[in-house]
Amino acid sequence: MMGPAHSLSGAAAWLGVGAAAAAFGYPMPWPVLLVGALVCAGAALAPDLDHKAATISRAFGPVSRWICEIVDKLSYAVYKATRKPGDARRTGGHRTLTHTWLWAVLIGAGSSVVATTCGRWGVLAILFVHMVLAIEGLLWRAARGSSSDVLVWLLAATSAWILAGMLDKPGQGSDWLFSDPGQAYMWLGLPVVLGALVHDIGDALTVSGCPVLWPIPVGRKRWYPVGPPKVLRFRAGSWVELRVLMPVFMVLGGVGGAAALNFI
């Protein structure tokens, strides 16, 4: 999938989680629903950190391009070291390590650790990074071009500061789901995990599939490209993605958000 579809599916997924949480007696305060949807939209772009042409590679200027190069080489090294006889030979690390359930869990757990141990600045850092990605993904037409980078960063920084202030208020969500001492903002890792997994599921629907199950082997492959039957797959950026899936994500997100807020 392309960036806008990934981000939109991430936001819709968190709004759906909000609806499910409300149904099971753990309703999200509206700031949690909003922040979680934006973080999940941003996190749904993050697995492409292994691709130099992806949205995330240019989102933070030279810093993100440098990180992308490192992650690509790391992913390729892990692929070569763990591939089985049935796995194809590759020349790069795209759609390998960062497109697995294990990566998603580790990144989400790391985000929770940062949020709970680094205080307000840790929370602001997590929000800022994902706000930038969410803006790049959801508002991709307006954010396109290097001349808009500074404006995107300023908007993300302002949004992160305002949203963190909302969450800090009593009863507004800093301790949602995890309320014991020292667990404030632990839930921030959940939309990060969800966003990465939604990205993987989206890529699994495309022609190439996605090795989301790694390191669990399937037959002669450790990097098995999970996906539906090939007749049901589509190419990234095709009309199926733009004219079918994206409108569906919008509708599902709207319904999920309304249900989470008890409007329906």
C-alpha atoms as a PDB file:
ATOM      1  CA  MET A   1       0.000   0.000   0.000  1.00  0.00           C
ATOM      2  CA  MET A   2       0.944   3.640  -0.380  1.00  0.00           C
ATOM      3  CA  GLY A   3       1.413   6.028   2.551  1.00  0.00           C
ATOM      4  CA  PRO A   4      -2.044   7.677   2.597  1.00  0.00           C
ATOM      5  CA  ALA A   5      -3.845   4.314   2.661  1.00  0.00           C
ATOM      6  CA  HIS A   6      -1.550   3.035   5.398  1.00  0.00           C
ATOM      7  CA  SER A   7      -2.181   6.106   7.586  1.00  0.00           C
ATOM      8  CA  LEU A   8      -5.914   6.083   6.989  1.00  0.00           C
ATOM      9  CA  SER A   9      -6.148   2.384   7.837  1.00  0.00           C
ATOM     10  CA  GLY A  10      -4.146   2.988  11.015  1.00  0.00           C
ATOM     11  CA  ALA A  11      -6.460   5.749  12.204  1.00  0.00           C
ATOM     12  CA  ALA A  12      -9.524   3.634  11.370  1.00  0.00           C
ATOM     13  CA  ALA A  13      -8.068   0.674  13.274  1.00  0.00           C
ATOM     14  CA  TRP A  14      -7.590   2.683  16.483  1.00  0.00           C
ATOM     15  CA  LEU A  15     -11.090   4.146  16.231  1.00  0.00           C
ATOM     16  CA  GLY A  16     -12.341   0.572  15.896  1.00  0.00           C
ATOM     17  CA  VAL A  17     -10.392  -0.375  19.021  1.00  0.00           C
ATOM     18  CA  GLY A  18     -12.049   2.556  20.756  1.00  0.00           C
ATOM     19  CA  ALA A  19     -15.462   1.176  19.849  1.00  0.00           C
ATOM     20  CA  ALA A  20     -14.493  -2.294  21.096  1.00  0.00           C
ATOM     21  CA  ALA A  21     -13.056  -0.865  24.334  1.00  0.00           C
ATOM     22  CA  ALA A  22     -16.298   1.002  25.002  1.00  0.00           C
ATOM     23  CA  ALA A  23     -18.319  -2.161  24.363  1.00  0.00           C
ATOM     24  CA  PHE A  24     -16.220  -4.103  26.914  1.00  0.00           C
ATOM     25  CA  GLY A  25     -16.446  -1.442  29.600  1.00  0.00           C
ATOM     26  CA  TYR A  26     -13.141   0.385  29.076  1.00  0.00           C
ATOM     27  CA  PRO A  27     -14.265   3.543  27.270  1.00  0.00           C
ATOM     28  CA  MET A  28     -11.540   5.873  26.057  1.00  0.00           C
ATOM     29  CA  PRO A  29     -11.647   9.532  27.072  1.00  0.00           C
ATOM     30  CA  TRP A  30     -11.901  11.526  23.865  1.00  0.00           C
ATOM     31  CA  PRO A  31      -8.270  12.750  24.066  1.00  0.00           C
ATOM     32  CA  VAL A  32      -7.096   9.109  24.130  1.00  0.00           C
ATOM     33  CA  LEU A  33      -9.265   8.318  21.119  1.00  0.00           C
ATOM     34  CA  LEU A  34      -7.915  11.318  19.202  1.00  0.00           C
ATOM     35  CA  VAL A  35      -4.265  10.934  20.179  1.00  0.00           C
ATOM     36  CA  GLY A  36      -4.357   7.177  19.651  1.00  0.00           C
ATOM     37  CA  ALA A  37      -5.830   7.580  16.175  1.00  0.00           C
ATOM     38  CA  LEU A  38      -3.121  10.072  15.181  1.00  0.00           C
ATOM     39  CA  VAL A  39      -0.306   7.993  16.698  1.00  0.00           C
ATOM     40  CA  CYS A  40      -1.641   4.882  14.989  1.00  0.00           C
ATOM     41  CA  ALA A  41      -1.885   6.759  11.671  1.00  0.00           C
ATOM     42  CA  GLY A  42       1.750   7.771  12.033  1.00  0.00           C
ATOM     43  CA  ALA A  43       2.910   4.358  13.231  1.00  0.00           C
ATOM     44  CA  ALA A  44       1.290   2.801  10.169  1.00  0.00           C
ATOM     45  CA  LEU A  45       4.004   4.461   8.062  1.00  0.00           C
ATOM     46  CA  ALA A  46       6.927   3.469  10.285  1.00  0.00           C
ATOM     47  CA  PRO A  47       7.609  -0.073   8.957  1.00  0.00           C
ATOM     48  CA  ASP A  48       8.769   1.482   5.683  1.00  0.00           C
ATOM     49  CA  LEU A  49      11.786   2.771   7.579  1.00  0.00           C
ATOM     50  CA  ASP A  50      13.681   0.215   5.485  1.00  0.00           C
ATOM     51  CA  HIS A  51      12.899   1.975   2.172  1.00  0.00           C
ATOM     52  CA  LYS A  52      14.778   5.091   1.085  1.00  0.00           C
ATOM     53  CA  ALA A  53      11.907   6.274  -1.136  1.00  0.00           C
ATOM     54  CA  ALA A  54       9.185   5.937   1.520  1.00  0.00           C
ATOM     55  CA  THR A  55       7.408   8.864   3.165  1.00  0.00           C
ATOM     56  CA  ILE A  56       9.170   8.272   6.472  1.00  0.00           C
ATOM     57  CA  SER A  57      12.607   8.494   4.821  1.00  0.00           C
ATOM     58  CA  ARG A  58      12.092  12.189   4.044  1.00  0.00           C
ATOM     59  CA  ALA A  59       9.852  13.108   6.970  1.00  0.00           C
ATOM     60  CA  PHE A  60      12.742  14.285   9.169  1.00  0.00           C
ATOM     61  CA  GLY A  61      15.230  15.416   6.535  1.00  0.00           C
ATOM     62  CA  PRO A  62      18.794  14.035   6.554  1.00  0.00           C
ATOM     63  CA  VAL A  63      18.252  12.360   9.937  1.00  0.00           C
ATOM     64  CA  SER A  64      15.482  10.051   8.710  1.00  0.00           C
ATOM     65  CA  ARG A  65      17.342   9.316   5.456  1.00  0.00           C
ATOM     66  CA  TRP A  66      20.390   8.276   7.469  1.00  0.00           C
ATOM     67  CA  ILE A  67      18.287   6.096   9.781  1.00  0.00           C
ATOM     68  CA  CYS A  68      16.591   4.487   6.778  1.00  0.00           C
ATOM     69  CA  GLU A  69      19.954   3.491   5.334  1.00  0.00           C
ATOM     70  CA  ILE A  70      20.979   1.903   8.634  1.00  0.00           C
ATOM     71  CA  VAL A  71      17.674   0.044   9.040  1.00  0.00           C
ATOM     72  CA  ASP A  72      17.801  -1.196   5.446  1.00  0.00           C
ATOM     73  CA  LYS A  73      21.295  -2.633   5.973  1.00  0.00           C
ATOM     74  CA  LEU A  74      20.328  -4.130   9.332  1.00  0.00           C
ATOM     75  CA  SER A  75      17.204  -5.719   7.854  1.00  0.00           C
ATOM     76  CA  TYR A  76      19.164  -7.152   4.941  1.00  0.00           C
ATOM     77  CA  ALA A  77      21.786  -8.583   7.297  1.00  0.00           C
ATOM     78  CA  VAL A  78      19.090 -10.241   9.431  1.00  0.00           C
ATOM     79  CA  TYR A  79      17.436 -11.621   6.299  1.00  0.00           C
ATOM     80  CA  LYS A  80      20.659 -13.175   5.019  1.00  0.00           C
ATOM     81  CA  ALA A  81      21.506 -14.618   8.431  1.00  0.00           C
ATOM     82  CA  THR A  82      18.097 -16.256   8.978  1.00  0.00           C
ATOM     83  CA  ARG A  83      16.836 -17.203   5.510  1.00  0.00           C
ATOM     84  CA  LYS A  84      15.996 -20.826   4.760  1.00  0.00           C
ATOM     85  CA  PRO A  85      16.546 -22.643   1.436  1.00  0.00           C
ATOM     86  CA  GLY A  86      13.074 -21.723   0.212  1.00  0.00           C
ATOM     87  CA  ASP A  87      13.542 -17.975   0.737  1.00  0.00           C
ATOM     88  CA  ALA A  88      14.489 -15.940  -2.330  1.00  0.00           C
ATOM     89  CA  ARG A  89      17.787 -14.141  -2.655  1.00  0.00           C
ATOM     90  CA  ARG A  90      17.525 -10.384  -2.152  1.00  0.00           C
ATOM     91  CA  THR A  91      19.637  -7.283  -2.642  1.00  0.00           C
ATOM     92  CA  GLY A  92      18.010  -5.106   0.030  1.00  0.00           C
ATOM     93  CA  GLY A  93      16.098  -5.232   3.292  1.00  0.00           C
ATOM     94  CA  HIS A  94      12.726  -3.754   2.290  1.00  0.00           C
ATOM     95  CA  ARG A  95       9.723  -5.709   3.572  1.00  0.00           C
ATOM     96  CA  THR A  96      11.748  -7.907   5.865  1.00  0.00           C
ATOM     97  CA  LEU A  97      12.582  -7.207   9.525  1.00  0.00           C
ATOM     98  CA  THR A  98      10.453  -4.082  10.005  1.00  0.00           C
ATOM     99  CA  HIS A  99       7.443  -5.829   8.471  1.00  0.00           C
ATOM    100  CA  THR A 100       7.125  -8.524  11.146  1.00  0.00           C
ATOM    101  CA  TRP A 101       5.008  -8.972  14.244  1.00  0.00           C
ATOM    102  CA  LEU A 102       8.140  -9.149  16.375  1.00  0.00           C
ATOM    103  CA  TRP A 103       9.322  -5.723  15.220  1.00  0.00           C
ATOM    104  CA  ALA A 104       5.867  -4.271  15.904  1.00  0.00           C
ATOM    105  CA  VAL A 105       5.831  -5.630  19.448  1.00  0.00           C
ATOM    106  CA  LEU A 106       9.368  -4.451  20.200  1.00  0.00           C
ATOM    107  CA  ILE A 107       8.717  -0.935  18.880  1.00  0.00           C
ATOM    108  CA  GLY A 108       5.464  -0.713  20.830  1.00  0.00           C
ATOM    109  CA  ALA A 109       7.089  -1.965  24.023  1.00  0.00           C
ATOM    110  CA  GLY A 110       9.926   0.514  23.567  1.00  0.00           C
ATOM    111  CA  SER A 111       7.429   3.341  23.173  1.00  0.00           C
ATOM    112  CA  SER A 112       5.675   2.343  26.401  1.00  0.00           C
ATOM    113  CA  VAL A 113       9.006   2.250  28.248  1.00  0.00           C
ATOM    114  CA  VAL A 114       9.942   5.716  26.979  1.00  0.00           C
ATOM    115  CA  ALA A 115       6.515   7.113  27.869  1.00  0.00           C
ATOM    116  CA  THR A 116       6.567   5.735  31.419  1.00  0.00           C
ATOM    117  CA  THR A 117      10.210   6.376  32.311  1.00  0.00           C
ATOM    118  CA  CYS A 118      11.155   9.599  30.508  1.00  0.00           C
ATOM    119  CA  GLY A 119       8.346  11.775  31.793  1.00  0.00           C
ATOM    120  CA  ARG A 120       6.686  14.544  29.819  1.00  0.00           C
ATOM    121  CA  TRP A 121       9.546  14.959  27.370  1.00  0.00           C
ATOM    122  CA  GLY A 122       9.418  11.291  26.461  1.00  0.00           C
ATOM    123  CA  VAL A 123       5.691  11.561  25.770  1.00  0.00           C
ATOM    124  CA  LEU A 124       6.239  14.721  23.724  1.00  0.00           C
ATOM    125  CA  ALA A 125       8.941  12.993  21.663  1.00  0.00           C
ATOM    126  CA  ILE A 126       6.652  10.060  20.862  1.00  0.00           C
ATOM    127  CA  LEU A 127       3.787  12.375  19.965  1.00  0.00           C
ATOM    128  CA  PHE A 128       5.971  14.661  17.832  1.00  0.00           C
ATOM    129  CA  VAL A 129       7.418  11.835  15.734  1.00  0.00           C
ATOM    130  CA  HIS A 130       4.019  10.287  15.096  1.00  0.00           C
ATOM    131  CA  MET A 131       2.307  13.626  14.488  1.00  0.00           C
ATOM    132  CA  VAL A 132       4.835  14.360  11.733  1.00  0.00           C
ATOM    133  CA  LEU A 133       4.159  10.981  10.142  1.00  0.00           C
ATOM    134  CA  ALA A 134       0.384  11.330  10.539  1.00  0.00           C
ATOM    135  CA  ILE A 135       0.439  14.732   8.825  1.00  0.00           C
ATOM    136  CA  GLU A 136       2.634  13.378   6.037  1.00  0.00           C
ATOM    137  CA  GLY A 137       0.299  10.428   5.566  1.00  0.00           C
ATOM    138  CA  LEU A 138      -3.167  11.894   6.038  1.00  0.00           C
ATOM    139  CA  LEU A 139      -2.455  15.313   4.489  1.00  0.00           C
ATOM    140  CA  TRP A 140       0.021  14.079   1.901  1.00  0.00           C
ATOM    141  CA  ARG A 141      -1.017  16.524  -0.839  1.00  0.00           C
ATOM    142  CA  ALA A 142      -0.463  19.549   1.384  1.00  0.00           C
ATOM    143  CA  ALA A 143       2.711  18.116   2.954  1.00  0.00           C
ATOM    144  CA  ARG A 144       4.367  17.147  -0.321  1.00  0.00           C
ATOM    145  CA  GLY A 145       7.655  18.864  -1.128  1.00  0.00           C
ATOM    146  CA  SER A 146      10.710  19.727   0.913  1.00  0.00           C
ATOM    147  CA  SER A 147       9.631  23.363   1.254  1.00  0.00           C
ATOM    148  CA  SER A 148       6.784  22.289   3.554  1.00  0.00           C
ATOM    149  CA  ASP A 149       8.941  20.238   5.945  1.00  0.00           C
ATOM    150  CA  VAL A 150       9.480  23.014   8.479  1.00  0.00           C
ATOM    151  CA  LEU A 151       5.762  23.821   8.520  1.00  0.00           C
ATOM    152  CA  VAL A 152       4.947  20.154   9.107  1.00  0.00           C
ATOM    153  CA  TRP A 153       7.434  19.997  11.995  1.00  0.00           C
ATOM    154  CA  LEU A 154       6.016  23.156  13.558  1.00  0.00           C
ATOM    155  CA  LEU A 155       2.458  21.878  13.244  1.00  0.00           C
ATOM    156  CA  ALA A 156       3.470  18.517  14.711  1.00  0.00           C
ATOM    157  CA  ALA A 157       5.334  20.126  17.620  1.00  0.00           C
ATOM    158  CA  THR A 158       2.398  22.422  18.408  1.00  0.00           C
ATOM    159  CA  SER A 159      -0.082  19.556  18.167  1.00  0.00           C
ATOM    160  CA  ALA A 160       2.064  17.330  20.389  1.00  0.00           C
ATOM    161  CA  TRP A 161       2.294  20.050  23.054  1.00  0.00           C
ATOM    162  CA  ILE A 162      -1.465  20.734  23.029  1.00  0.00           C
ATOM    163  CA  LEU A 163      -2.448  17.052  23.013  1.00  0.00           C
ATOM    164  CA  ALA A 164      -0.032  16.208  25.835  1.00  0.00           C
ATOM    165  CA  GLY A 165      -1.546  19.051  27.852  1.00  0.00           C
ATOM    166  CA  MET A 166      -5.014  17.610  27.304  1.00  0.00           C
ATOM    167  CA  LEU A 167      -3.959  14.129  28.371  1.00  0.00           C
ATOM    168  CA  ASP A 168      -2.247  15.476  31.499  1.00  0.00           C
ATOM    169  CA  LYS A 169      -5.506  16.805  32.892  1.00  0.00           C
ATOM    170  CA  PRO A 170      -7.206  14.558  35.505  1.00  0.00           C
ATOM    171  CA  GLY A 171      -9.541  12.031  33.937  1.00  0.00           C
ATOM    172  CA  GLN A 172      -8.489  12.865  30.366  1.00  0.00           C
ATOM    173  CA  GLY A 173      -6.541   9.705  29.671  1.00  0.00           C
ATOM    174  CA  SER A 174      -2.917   9.668  30.816  1.00  0.00           C
ATOM    175  CA  ASP A 175      -3.774   6.668  33.012  1.00  0.00           C
ATOM    176  CA  TRP A 176      -6.300   5.024  30.699  1.00  0.00           C
ATOM    177  CA  LEU A 177      -6.249   1.215  30.971  1.00  0.00           C
ATOM    178  CA  PHE A 178      -3.081   1.234  33.148  1.00  0.00           C
ATOM    179  CA  SER A 179      -3.822   3.104  36.351  1.00  0.00           C
ATOM    180  CA  ASP A 180      -1.236   1.838  38.853  1.00  0.00           C
ATOM    181  CA  PRO A 181       1.509   4.225  40.024  1.00  0.00           C
ATOM    182  CA  GLY A 182       4.225   4.632  37.412  1.00  0.00           C
ATOM    183  CA  GLN A 183       2.028   3.392  34.550  1.00  0.00           C
ATOM    184  CA  ALA A 184       0.854   6.738  33.176  1.00  0.00           C
ATOM    185  CA  TYR A 185       1.006   6.759  29.376  1.00  0.00           C
ATOM    186  CA  MET A 186       1.866   3.063  29.176  1.00  0.00           C
ATOM    187  CA  TRP A 187      -1.015   2.718  26.723  1.00  0.00           C
ATOM    188  CA  LEU A 188       0.874   4.830  24.161  1.00  0.00           C
ATOM    189  CA  GLY A 189       2.642   1.684  22.999  1.00  0.00           C
ATOM    190  CA  LEU A 190      -0.657   0.115  21.913  1.00  0.00           C
ATOM    191  CA  PRO A 191      -1.394   2.371  18.901  1.00  0.00           C
ATOM    192  CA  VAL A 192       2.273   2.002  17.893  1.00  0.00           C
ATOM    193  CA  VAL A 193       1.959  -1.794  17.799  1.00  0.00           C
ATOM    194  CA  LEU A 194      -1.403  -1.619  16.083  1.00  0.00           C
ATOM    195  CA  GLY A 195      -0.198   0.813  13.438  1.00  0.00           C
ATOM    196  CA  ALA A 196       2.753  -1.405  12.524  1.00  0.00           C
ATOM    197  CA  LEU A 197       0.560  -4.510  12.318  1.00  0.00           C
ATOM    198  CA  VAL A 198      -2.052  -2.719  10.207  1.00  0.00           C
ATOM    199  CA  HIS A 199       0.749  -1.681   7.849  1.00  0.00           C
ATOM    200  CA  ASP A 200       1.840  -5.314   7.560  1.00  0.00           C
ATOM    201  CA  ILE A 201      -1.691  -6.511   6.901  1.00  0.00           C
ATOM    202  CA  GLY A 202      -2.098  -3.858   4.220  1.00  0.00           C
ATOM    203  CA  ASP A 203       1.121  -4.922   2.514  1.00  0.00           C
ATOM    204  CA  ALA A 204       0.025  -8.559   2.736  1.00  0.00           C
ATOM    205  CA  LEU A 205      -2.911  -7.675   0.477  1.00  0.00           C
ATOM    206  CA  THR A 206      -0.581  -6.534  -2.289  1.00  0.00           C
ATOM    207  CA  VAL A 207       1.149  -8.612  -4.951  1.00  0.00           C
ATOM    208  CA  SER A 208       4.349  -9.214  -2.976  1.00  0.00           C
ATOM    209  CA  GLY A 209       2.742 -10.242   0.319  1.00  0.00           C
ATOM    210  CA  CYS A 210       4.377  -9.573   3.700  1.00  0.00           C
ATOM    211  CA  PRO A 211       6.545 -11.788   5.966  1.00  0.00           C
ATOM    212  CA  VAL A 212       4.626 -10.768   9.073  1.00  0.00           C
ATOM    213  CA  LEU A 213       5.051 -14.181  10.741  1.00  0.00           C
ATOM    214  CA  TRP A 214       8.866 -14.067  10.932  1.00  0.00           C
ATOM    215  CA  PRO A 215      10.724 -15.710  12.659  1.00  0.00           C
ATOM    216  CA  ILE A 216       8.130 -18.502  12.594  1.00  0.00           C
ATOM    217  CA  PRO A 217       8.999 -20.777   9.626  1.00  0.00           C
ATOM    218  CA  VAL A 218       6.402 -21.899   7.101  1.00  0.00           C
ATOM    219  CA  GLY A 219       7.561 -24.925   5.127  1.00  0.00           C
ATOM    220  CA  ARG A 220      10.943 -24.237   3.537  1.00  0.00           C
ATOM    221  CA  LYS A 221      10.640 -20.494   4.156  1.00  0.00           C
ATOM    222  CA  ARG A 222      11.306 -18.404   7.252  1.00  0.00           C
ATOM    223  CA  TRP A 223      10.305 -15.203   5.425  1.00  0.00           C
ATOM    224  CA  TYR A 224       7.019 -16.539   4.079  1.00  0.00           C
ATOM    225  CA  PRO A 225       5.090 -13.770   2.214  1.00  0.00           C
ATOM    226  CA  VAL A 226       1.710 -13.977   3.932  1.00  0.00           C
ATOM    227  CA  GLY A 227      -1.264 -12.900   1.845  1.00  0.00           C
ATOM    228  CA  PRO A 228      -4.601 -13.943   0.360  1.00  0.00           C
ATOM    229  CA  PRO A 229      -4.802 -15.992  -2.875  1.00  0.00           C
ATOM    230  CA  LYS A 230      -2.988 -14.138  -5.646  1.00  0.00           C
ATOM    231  CA  VAL A 231      -6.204 -13.476  -7.524  1.00  0.00           C
ATOM    232  CA  LEU A 232      -7.346 -11.288  -4.611  1.00  0.00           C
ATOM    233  CA  ARG A 233      -4.147  -9.246  -4.368  1.00  0.00           C
ATOM    234  CA  PHE A 234      -3.571  -5.844  -5.961  1.00  0.00           C
ATOM    235  CA  ARG A 235      -0.684  -3.560  -6.812  1.00  0.00           C
ATOM    236  CA  ALA A 236       0.202  -0.693  -4.482  1.00  0.00           C
ATOM    237  CA  GLY A 237      -1.396   2.531  -5.691  1.00  0.00           C
ATOM    238  CA  SER A 238      -3.917   0.751  -7.900  1.00  0.00           C
ATOM    239  CA  TRP A 239      -7.571   1.721  -8.257  1.00  0.00           C
ATOM    240  CA  VAL A 240      -8.524  -0.946  -5.696  1.00  0.00           C
ATOM    241  CA  GLU A 241      -6.532   0.875  -3.037  1.00  0.00           C
ATOM    242  CA  LEU A 242      -7.573   4.400  -4.018  1.00  0.00           C
ATOM    243  CA  ARG A 243     -11.234   3.907  -4.946  1.00  0.00           C
ATOM    244  CA  VAL A 244     -12.284   0.977  -2.798  1.00  0.00           C
ATOM    245  CA  LEU A 245     -10.115   0.533   0.280  1.00  0.00           C
ATOM    246  CA  MET A 246      -9.564   4.171   1.215  1.00  0.00           C
ATOM    247  CA  PRO A 247     -13.303   5.020   1.176  1.00  0.00           C
ATOM    248  CA  VAL A 248     -13.945   1.853   3.187  1.00  0.00           C
ATOM    249  CA  PHE A 249     -11.344   2.925   5.760  1.00  0.00           C
ATOM    250  CA  MET A 250     -13.025   6.330   6.047  1.00  0.00           C
ATOM    251  CA  VAL A 251     -16.437   4.794   6.647  1.00  0.00           C
ATOM    252  CA  LEU A 252     -15.143   2.246   9.153  1.00  0.00           C
ATOM    253  CA  GLY A 253     -13.196   4.941  10.996  1.00  0.00           C
ATOM    254  CA  GLY A 254     -16.249   7.173  11.197  1.00  0.00           C
ATOM    255  CA  VAL A 255     -18.443   4.364  12.506  1.00  0.00           C
ATOM    256  CA  GLY A 256     -15.788   3.275  14.991  1.00  0.00           C
ATOM    257  CA  GLY A 257     -15.289   6.800  16.289  1.00  0.00           C
ATOM    258  CA  ALA A 258     -19.023   7.370  16.667  1.00  0.00           C
ATOM    259  CA  ALA A 259     -19.410   4.087  18.546  1.00  0.00           C
ATOM    260  CA  ALA A 260     -16.424   4.863  20.785  1.00  0.00           C
ATOM    261  CA  LEU A 261     -18.001   8.166  21.773  1.00  0.00           C
ATOM    262  CA  ASN A 262     -21.431   6.546  22.291  1.00  0.00           C
ATOM    263  CA  PHE A 263     -23.055   8.451  19.441  1.00  0.00           C
ATOM    264  CA  ILE A 264     -24.367   5.183  18.028  1.00  0.00           C
END
